[in-house]
Structure formats: structure tokens, C-alpha cells
Amino acid sequence: MEEGRTDSAMLGALMLVTGLLLGASAALLFAPQSGKETRKDILRYARKAKGRAEGVVEEFSDSVTEMVESVGEKAEEILEKGKDLATDAKKGLLYAMEEGQKRLEKQRSRLEKLIA
């Protein structure tokens, strides 16, 4: 039974050494780049991120500008409609006052005829 344990321990140790060798080989093949190249990559990434951020800010700014212009146009339309409604209301009020004066004149004439 002890022989089985020894074989298992040897097999485990062999697998561990094999894994270490394969890992070290892979690490050498896929070794990270130099510090200078890494700094260049970081700078390149930062520039791309800055460009994207500027693009997002520009799009947001354009959207806000369009919204403000749209609100301004709607406000002008509402103001014009309000002016038109006020003009119409003023004309209606003047017409009603004129009609009222005419009726008062008619009633005054009737009363003068009745009294005279």
C-alpha cells in the first residue's frame, strides 16, 4: 500500500514539475512587453478614451442645443398664438361694447319717446 502512495506522490510531483515547465514556457512566449511599450499603449488608450469622451460630450452638447432651440421655437409659437388670441379677444370685446352702446342708444331713444 505504501508503494501506491509513493507512486501517487511521484506522479503528482512529476505533474507539478511538468506544469511549472509548461507555465514558464508559456510565460516566456507571451512575456509582457517592455515598460516603454506599455507606457505607449497606456498613452494610446488614454488618447482614445479622451477622444471618445469628447465625442460623447459633443453629442450631449448638440442634443441640449437642439432641445433649447426647439423649446425656443415652441415658445415663440405659443407667444404668437397668445398674441393672436389676445387680438381676437380685444376685437370681440370692442365689438361687444359697440353692440352694447347701440342697444343702450336704442333703449334711450325708446325711453325718450315714451317720456316725451
Protein backbone atom coordinates (compact mmCIF):
# COMPACT_ATOMS: atom_id res chain seq x y z
CA MET A 1 0.00 0.00 0.00
CA GLU A 2 2.88 2.28 0.70
CA GLU A 3 4.17 1.67 -2.78
CA GLY A 4 0.90 3.04 -4.23
CA ARG A 5 1.24 6.18 -2.19
CA THR A 6 4.80 6.68 -3.33
CA ASP A 7 3.79 6.23 -6.96
CA SER A 8 0.97 8.74 -6.50
CA ALA A 9 3.32 11.22 -4.84
CA MET A 10 5.85 10.77 -7.65
CA LEU A 11 3.15 11.19 -10.27
CA GLY A 12 1.89 14.34 -8.51
CA ALA A 13 5.41 15.75 -8.27
CA LEU A 14 6.05 14.94 -11.93
CA MET A 15 2.80 16.63 -12.96
CA LEU A 16 3.70 19.66 -10.83
CA VAL A 17 7.14 19.95 -12.44
CA THR A 18 5.62 19.46 -15.91
CA GLY A 19 3.04 22.18 -15.18
CA LEU A 20 5.76 24.52 -13.96
CA LEU A 21 7.81 23.94 -17.10
CA LEU A 22 4.79 24.47 -19.37
CA GLY A 23 3.81 27.60 -17.44
CA ALA A 24 7.33 29.01 -17.60
CA SER A 25 7.48 28.28 -21.34
CA ALA A 26 4.17 29.99 -21.92
CA ALA A 27 5.29 32.94 -19.81
CA LEU A 28 8.41 33.32 -21.93
CA LEU A 29 6.41 33.07 -25.15
CA PHE A 30 3.76 35.52 -24.01
CA ALA A 31 6.00 37.73 -21.91
CA PRO A 32 4.65 41.22 -21.30
CA GLN A 33 6.06 43.98 -23.37
CA SER A 34 8.67 46.40 -22.17
CA GLY A 35 7.82 49.30 -19.90
CA LYS A 36 8.30 51.77 -22.75
CA GLU A 37 5.83 49.88 -24.95
CA THR A 38 3.39 49.59 -22.06
CA ARG A 39 3.56 53.36 -21.47
CA LYS A 40 2.91 53.91 -25.19
CA ASP A 41 -0.11 51.61 -25.03
CA ILE A 42 -1.43 53.38 -21.94
CA LEU A 43 -0.96 56.77 -23.63
CA ARG A 44 -2.66 55.49 -26.79
CA TYR A 45 -5.56 54.13 -24.72
CA ALA A 46 -5.84 57.40 -22.80
CA ARG A 47 -5.99 59.37 -26.07
CA LYS A 48 -8.69 57.07 -27.42
CA ALA A 49 -10.65 57.39 -24.19
CA LYS A 50 -10.26 61.19 -24.33
CA GLY A 51 -11.50 61.23 -27.94
CA ARG A 52 -14.49 59.09 -27.04
CA ALA A 53 -15.29 61.27 -24.04
CA GLU A 54 -15.05 64.40 -26.18
CA GLY A 55 -17.36 62.77 -28.72
CA VAL A 56 -19.90 61.96 -26.02
CA VAL A 57 -19.69 65.49 -24.63
CA GLU A 58 -20.11 66.95 -28.12
CA GLU A 59 -23.13 64.75 -28.84
CA PHE A 60 -24.65 65.70 -25.48
CA SER A 61 -23.98 69.38 -26.17
CA ASP A 62 -25.57 69.11 -29.61
CA SER A 63 -28.61 67.39 -28.12
CA VAL A 64 -29.00 70.09 -25.48
CA THR A 65 -28.59 72.81 -28.11
CA GLU A 66 -31.24 71.21 -30.31
CA MET A 67 -33.58 70.88 -27.33
CA VAL A 68 -33.08 74.52 -26.34
CA GLU A 69 -33.71 75.66 -29.92
CA SER A 70 -36.83 73.51 -30.11
CA VAL A 71 -38.13 74.90 -26.82
CA GLY A 72 -37.38 78.42 -28.04
CA GLU A 73 -39.29 77.82 -31.28
CA LYS A 74 -42.26 76.38 -29.37
CA ALA A 75 -42.20 79.36 -27.01
CA GLU A 76 -42.26 81.74 -29.97
CA GLU A 77 -45.19 79.82 -31.50
CA ILE A 78 -47.09 79.95 -28.20
CA LEU A 79 -46.34 83.66 -27.87
CA GLU A 80 -47.63 84.32 -31.39
CA LYS A 81 -50.76 82.28 -30.69
CA GLY A 82 -51.20 84.19 -27.45
CA LYS A 83 -50.88 87.49 -29.32
CA ASP A 84 -53.42 86.31 -31.89
CA LEU A 85 -55.80 85.19 -29.16
CA ALA A 86 -55.36 88.50 -27.33
CA THR A 87 -56.02 90.43 -30.54
CA ASP A 88 -59.10 88.31 -31.25
CA ALA A 89 -60.32 88.77 -27.67
CA LYS A 90 -59.74 92.51 -27.90
CA LYS A 91 -61.69 92.69 -31.17
CA GLY A 92 -64.50 90.64 -29.64
CA LEU A 93 -64.61 92.85 -26.58
CA LEU A 94 -64.70 96.01 -28.68
CA TYR A 95 -67.48 94.54 -30.82
CA ALA A 96 -69.46 93.61 -27.72
CA MET A 97 -69.00 97.11 -26.30
CA GLU A 98 -70.14 98.71 -29.56
CA GLU A 99 -73.18 96.44 -29.68
CA GLY A 100 -73.92 97.31 -26.07
CA GLN A 101 -73.69 101.03 -26.84
CA LYS A 102 -76.02 100.62 -29.82
CA ARG A 103 -78.58 98.82 -27.68
CA LEU A 104 -78.28 101.44 -24.95
CA GLU A 105 -78.88 104.16 -27.56
CA LYS A 106 -81.94 102.28 -28.83
CA GLN A 107 -83.28 101.90 -25.30
CA ARG A 108 -82.59 105.57 -24.55
CA SER A 109 -84.45 106.55 -27.71
CA ARG A 110 -87.41 104.38 -26.69
CA LEU A 111 -87.43 105.83 -23.20
CA GLU A 112 -87.24 109.39 -24.55
CA LYS A 113 -90.18 108.66 -26.87
CA LEU A 114 -92.17 107.16 -24.01
CA ILE A 115 -91.39 110.04 -21.66
CA ALA A 116 -91.93 112.79 -24.22
